[in-house]
Amino acid sequence: MASNMEVFCEILIAVLLPPLGVCLKRGCCTLEFLICLVLTILGYIPGIIYAIYVIVFQNREGETQDYSAPLNSA
């Protein structure tokens, strides 16, 4: 689980340079990075919103539960 300070720094980077924040979180040659780059070129605010969405809400490692698993998996 990421610490609060780590998430704060990632969000700060995402506000200053949205594609860099996504690149550090997800990688440079990913679809998320390319979407963020295009959104930032078209308008700075949409790039920031998408970068924060990717950093905070997408694929939190280890924090999601598999709700599709059966209750009695014995």
N, C-alpha and C. Protein backbone atom coordinates (compact mmCIF):
# COMPACT_ATOMS: atom_id res chain seq x y z
N MET A 1 0.83 -1.18 0.00
CA MET A 1 0.00 0.00 0.00
C MET A 1 0.88 1.25 0.00
N ALA A 2 0.56 2.17 -0.85
CA ALA A 2 1.34 3.39 -0.96
C ALA A 2 1.05 4.30 0.24
N SER A 3 2.11 4.95 0.71
CA SER A 3 1.94 5.87 1.82
C SER A 3 1.25 7.14 1.34
N ASN A 4 0.72 7.89 2.28
CA ASN A 4 0.03 9.12 1.94
C ASN A 4 0.98 10.12 1.28
N MET A 5 2.22 10.18 1.75
CA MET A 5 3.19 11.12 1.19
C MET A 5 3.54 10.74 -0.25
N GLU A 6 3.63 9.44 -0.53
CA GLU A 6 3.93 8.98 -1.89
C GLU A 6 2.80 9.37 -2.84
N VAL A 7 1.57 9.18 -2.42
CA VAL A 7 0.42 9.54 -3.25
C VAL A 7 0.38 11.06 -3.43
N PHE A 8 0.67 11.82 -2.38
CA PHE A 8 0.70 13.28 -2.49
C PHE A 8 1.74 13.73 -3.51
N CYS A 9 2.93 13.15 -3.47
CA CYS A 9 3.98 13.51 -4.43
C CYS A 9 3.58 13.14 -5.86
N GLU A 10 2.95 12.00 -6.04
CA GLU A 10 2.49 11.60 -7.38
C GLU A 10 1.44 12.57 -7.90
N ILE A 11 0.52 13.00 -7.04
CA ILE A 11 -0.51 13.95 -7.46
C ILE A 11 0.11 15.31 -7.77
N LEU A 12 1.09 15.73 -6.98
CA LEU A 12 1.77 17.00 -7.24
C LEU A 12 2.48 16.99 -8.59
N ILE A 13 3.15 15.89 -8.90
CA ILE A 13 3.79 15.75 -10.21
C ILE A 13 2.74 15.75 -11.32
N ALA A 14 1.60 15.09 -11.06
CA ALA A 14 0.54 15.04 -12.07
C ALA A 14 -0.06 16.41 -12.33
N VAL A 15 -0.10 17.27 -11.33
CA VAL A 15 -0.63 18.61 -11.54
C VAL A 15 0.38 19.46 -12.31
N LEU A 16 1.65 19.32 -12.01
CA LEU A 16 2.67 20.12 -12.70
C LEU A 16 2.91 19.65 -14.13
N LEU A 17 3.11 18.36 -14.31
CA LEU A 17 3.34 17.76 -15.64
C LEU A 17 2.55 16.45 -15.72
N PRO A 18 1.31 16.51 -16.19
CA PRO A 18 0.45 15.32 -16.16
C PRO A 18 1.04 14.08 -16.85
N PRO A 19 1.64 14.18 -18.04
CA PRO A 19 2.18 12.96 -18.65
C PRO A 19 3.33 12.34 -17.84
N LEU A 20 4.10 13.17 -17.15
CA LEU A 20 5.19 12.63 -16.34
C LEU A 20 4.65 11.83 -15.16
N GLY A 21 3.59 12.33 -14.54
CA GLY A 21 2.99 11.58 -13.43
C GLY A 21 2.47 10.23 -13.86
N VAL A 22 1.83 10.18 -15.03
CA VAL A 22 1.32 8.90 -15.54
C VAL A 22 2.48 8.00 -15.96
N CYS A 23 3.50 8.60 -16.54
CA CYS A 23 4.67 7.82 -16.96
C CYS A 23 5.34 7.15 -15.77
N LEU A 24 5.49 7.87 -14.68
CA LEU A 24 6.13 7.30 -13.49
C LEU A 24 5.26 6.21 -12.85
N LYS A 25 3.95 6.35 -12.95
CA LYS A 25 3.05 5.37 -12.33
C LYS A 25 2.83 4.14 -13.20
N ARG A 26 2.60 4.34 -14.51
CA ARG A 26 2.17 3.24 -15.38
C ARG A 26 3.20 2.85 -16.44
N GLY A 27 4.17 3.71 -16.75
CA GLY A 27 5.14 3.42 -17.80
C GLY A 27 4.97 4.36 -18.98
N CYS A 28 6.02 4.47 -19.79
CA CYS A 28 6.02 5.45 -20.88
C CYS A 28 5.32 4.98 -22.14
N CYS A 29 5.30 3.73 -22.42
CA CYS A 29 4.71 3.24 -23.68
C CYS A 29 3.38 2.54 -23.42
N THR A 30 2.57 3.15 -22.59
CA THR A 30 1.27 2.56 -22.29
C THR A 30 0.17 3.43 -22.89
N LEU A 31 -1.01 2.85 -22.99
CA LEU A 31 -2.15 3.58 -23.51
C LEU A 31 -2.53 4.74 -22.60
N GLU A 32 -2.41 4.56 -21.29
CA GLU A 32 -2.73 5.63 -20.35
C GLU A 32 -1.83 6.83 -20.57
N PHE A 33 -0.54 6.59 -20.81
CA PHE A 33 0.40 7.69 -21.05
C PHE A 33 0.05 8.43 -22.33
N LEU A 34 -0.26 7.69 -23.39
CA LEU A 34 -0.59 8.34 -24.66
C LEU A 34 -1.88 9.15 -24.56
N ILE A 35 -2.89 8.62 -23.85
CA ILE A 35 -4.13 9.36 -23.66
C ILE A 35 -3.85 10.64 -22.88
N CYS A 36 -3.05 10.54 -21.84
CA CYS A 36 -2.73 11.71 -21.03
C CYS A 36 -1.94 12.74 -21.84
N LEU A 37 -1.04 12.28 -22.68
CA LEU A 37 -0.24 13.18 -23.51
C LEU A 37 -1.14 13.94 -24.49
N VAL A 38 -2.05 13.24 -25.14
CA VAL A 38 -2.96 13.88 -26.09
C VAL A 38 -3.89 14.86 -25.36
N LEU A 39 -4.42 14.46 -24.22
CA LEU A 39 -5.30 15.36 -23.46
C LEU A 39 -4.55 16.60 -22.98
N THR A 40 -3.30 16.45 -22.61
CA THR A 40 -2.51 17.59 -22.16
C THR A 40 -2.20 18.53 -23.32
N ILE A 41 -1.95 17.97 -24.50
CA ILE A 41 -1.70 18.81 -25.68
C ILE A 41 -2.97 19.57 -26.07
N LEU A 42 -4.11 18.89 -26.00
CA LEU A 42 -5.37 19.53 -26.38
C LEU A 42 -5.84 20.54 -25.33
N GLY A 43 -5.55 20.28 -24.09
CA GLY A 43 -5.94 21.18 -23.01
C GLY A 43 -5.29 20.72 -21.72
N TYR A 44 -4.71 21.65 -21.00
CA TYR A 44 -3.95 21.29 -19.81
C TYR A 44 -4.83 20.69 -18.71
N ILE A 45 -6.00 21.25 -18.49
CA ILE A 45 -6.89 20.79 -17.41
C ILE A 45 -7.38 19.36 -17.64
N PRO A 46 -7.81 18.97 -18.85
CA PRO A 46 -8.19 17.56 -19.05
C PRO A 46 -7.04 16.60 -18.80
N GLY A 47 -5.83 17.00 -19.13
CA GLY A 47 -4.66 16.17 -18.85
C GLY A 47 -4.45 15.97 -17.37
N ILE A 48 -4.64 17.03 -16.59
CA ILE A 48 -4.50 16.93 -15.13
C ILE A 48 -5.56 16.00 -14.55
N ILE A 49 -6.80 16.18 -14.99
CA ILE A 49 -7.90 15.35 -14.47
C ILE A 49 -7.65 13.88 -14.78
N TYR A 50 -7.24 13.58 -16.00
CA TYR A 50 -6.99 12.18 -16.37
C TYR A 50 -5.79 11.62 -15.61
N ALA A 51 -4.74 12.41 -15.44
CA ALA A 51 -3.56 11.93 -14.71
C ALA A 51 -3.90 11.61 -13.27
N ILE A 52 -4.68 12.46 -12.63
CA ILE A 52 -5.08 12.19 -11.24
C ILE A 52 -5.96 10.95 -11.18
N TYR A 53 -6.84 10.78 -12.16
CA TYR A 53 -7.68 9.58 -12.21
C TYR A 53 -6.81 8.32 -12.32
N VAL A 54 -5.82 8.35 -13.21
CA VAL A 54 -4.96 7.17 -13.39
C VAL A 54 -4.17 6.89 -12.12
N ILE A 55 -3.64 7.90 -11.50
CA ILE A 55 -2.79 7.71 -10.32
C ILE A 55 -3.60 7.24 -9.11
N VAL A 56 -4.76 7.81 -8.90
CA VAL A 56 -5.50 7.53 -7.66
C VAL A 56 -6.44 6.35 -7.80
N PHE A 57 -7.15 6.23 -8.94
CA PHE A 57 -8.25 5.27 -9.01
C PHE A 57 -7.97 4.02 -9.82
N GLN A 58 -7.04 4.01 -10.74
CA GLN A 58 -6.85 2.84 -11.60
C GLN A 58 -5.90 1.84 -10.99
N ASN A 59 -6.34 0.60 -10.91
CA ASN A 59 -5.51 -0.55 -10.53
C ASN A 59 -4.65 -0.32 -9.29
N ARG A 60 -5.30 -0.14 -8.18
CA ARG A 60 -4.55 -0.05 -6.93
C ARG A 60 -4.06 -1.44 -6.58
N GLU A 61 -2.76 -1.65 -6.65
CA GLU A 61 -2.19 -2.97 -6.40
C GLU A 61 -2.38 -3.36 -4.94
N GLY A 62 -2.96 -4.53 -4.74
CA GLY A 62 -3.10 -5.07 -3.40
C GLY A 62 -4.25 -4.51 -2.60
N GLU A 63 -4.94 -3.51 -3.11
CA GLU A 63 -6.02 -2.91 -2.35
C GLU A 63 -7.39 -3.33 -2.84
N THR A 64 -7.46 -3.96 -4.01
CA THR A 64 -8.76 -4.35 -4.53
C THR A 64 -9.06 -5.78 -4.10
N GLN A 65 -10.33 -6.04 -3.89
CA GLN A 65 -10.75 -7.38 -3.54
C GLN A 65 -11.45 -7.98 -4.75
N ASP A 66 -11.34 -9.27 -4.88
CA ASP A 66 -11.97 -9.95 -5.99
C ASP A 66 -13.39 -10.31 -5.58
N TYR A 67 -14.35 -9.48 -5.98
CA TYR A 67 -15.73 -9.69 -5.60
C TYR A 67 -16.41 -10.79 -6.42
N SER A 68 -15.77 -11.19 -7.50
CA SER A 68 -16.37 -12.23 -8.32
C SER A 68 -16.04 -13.64 -7.82
N ALA A 69 -15.18 -13.74 -6.83
CA ALA A 69 -14.83 -15.06 -6.28
C ALA A 69 -16.00 -15.60 -5.47
N PRO A 70 -16.22 -16.89 -5.51
CA PRO A 70 -17.31 -17.47 -4.72
C PRO A 70 -17.03 -17.34 -3.22
N LEU A 71 -18.11 -17.28 -2.45
CA LEU A 71 -17.96 -17.13 -1.01
C LEU A 71 -17.36 -18.39 -0.38
N ASN A 72 -17.80 -19.55 -0.83
CA ASN A 72 -17.30 -20.82 -0.30
C ASN A 72 -16.37 -21.43 -1.33
N SER A 73 -15.13 -21.06 -1.29
CA SER A 73 -14.18 -21.58 -2.29
C SER A 73 -13.38 -22.74 -1.74
N ALA A 74 -14.00 -23.55 -0.90
CA ALA A 74 -13.31 -24.69 -0.28
C ALA A 74 -13.31 -25.88 -1.20
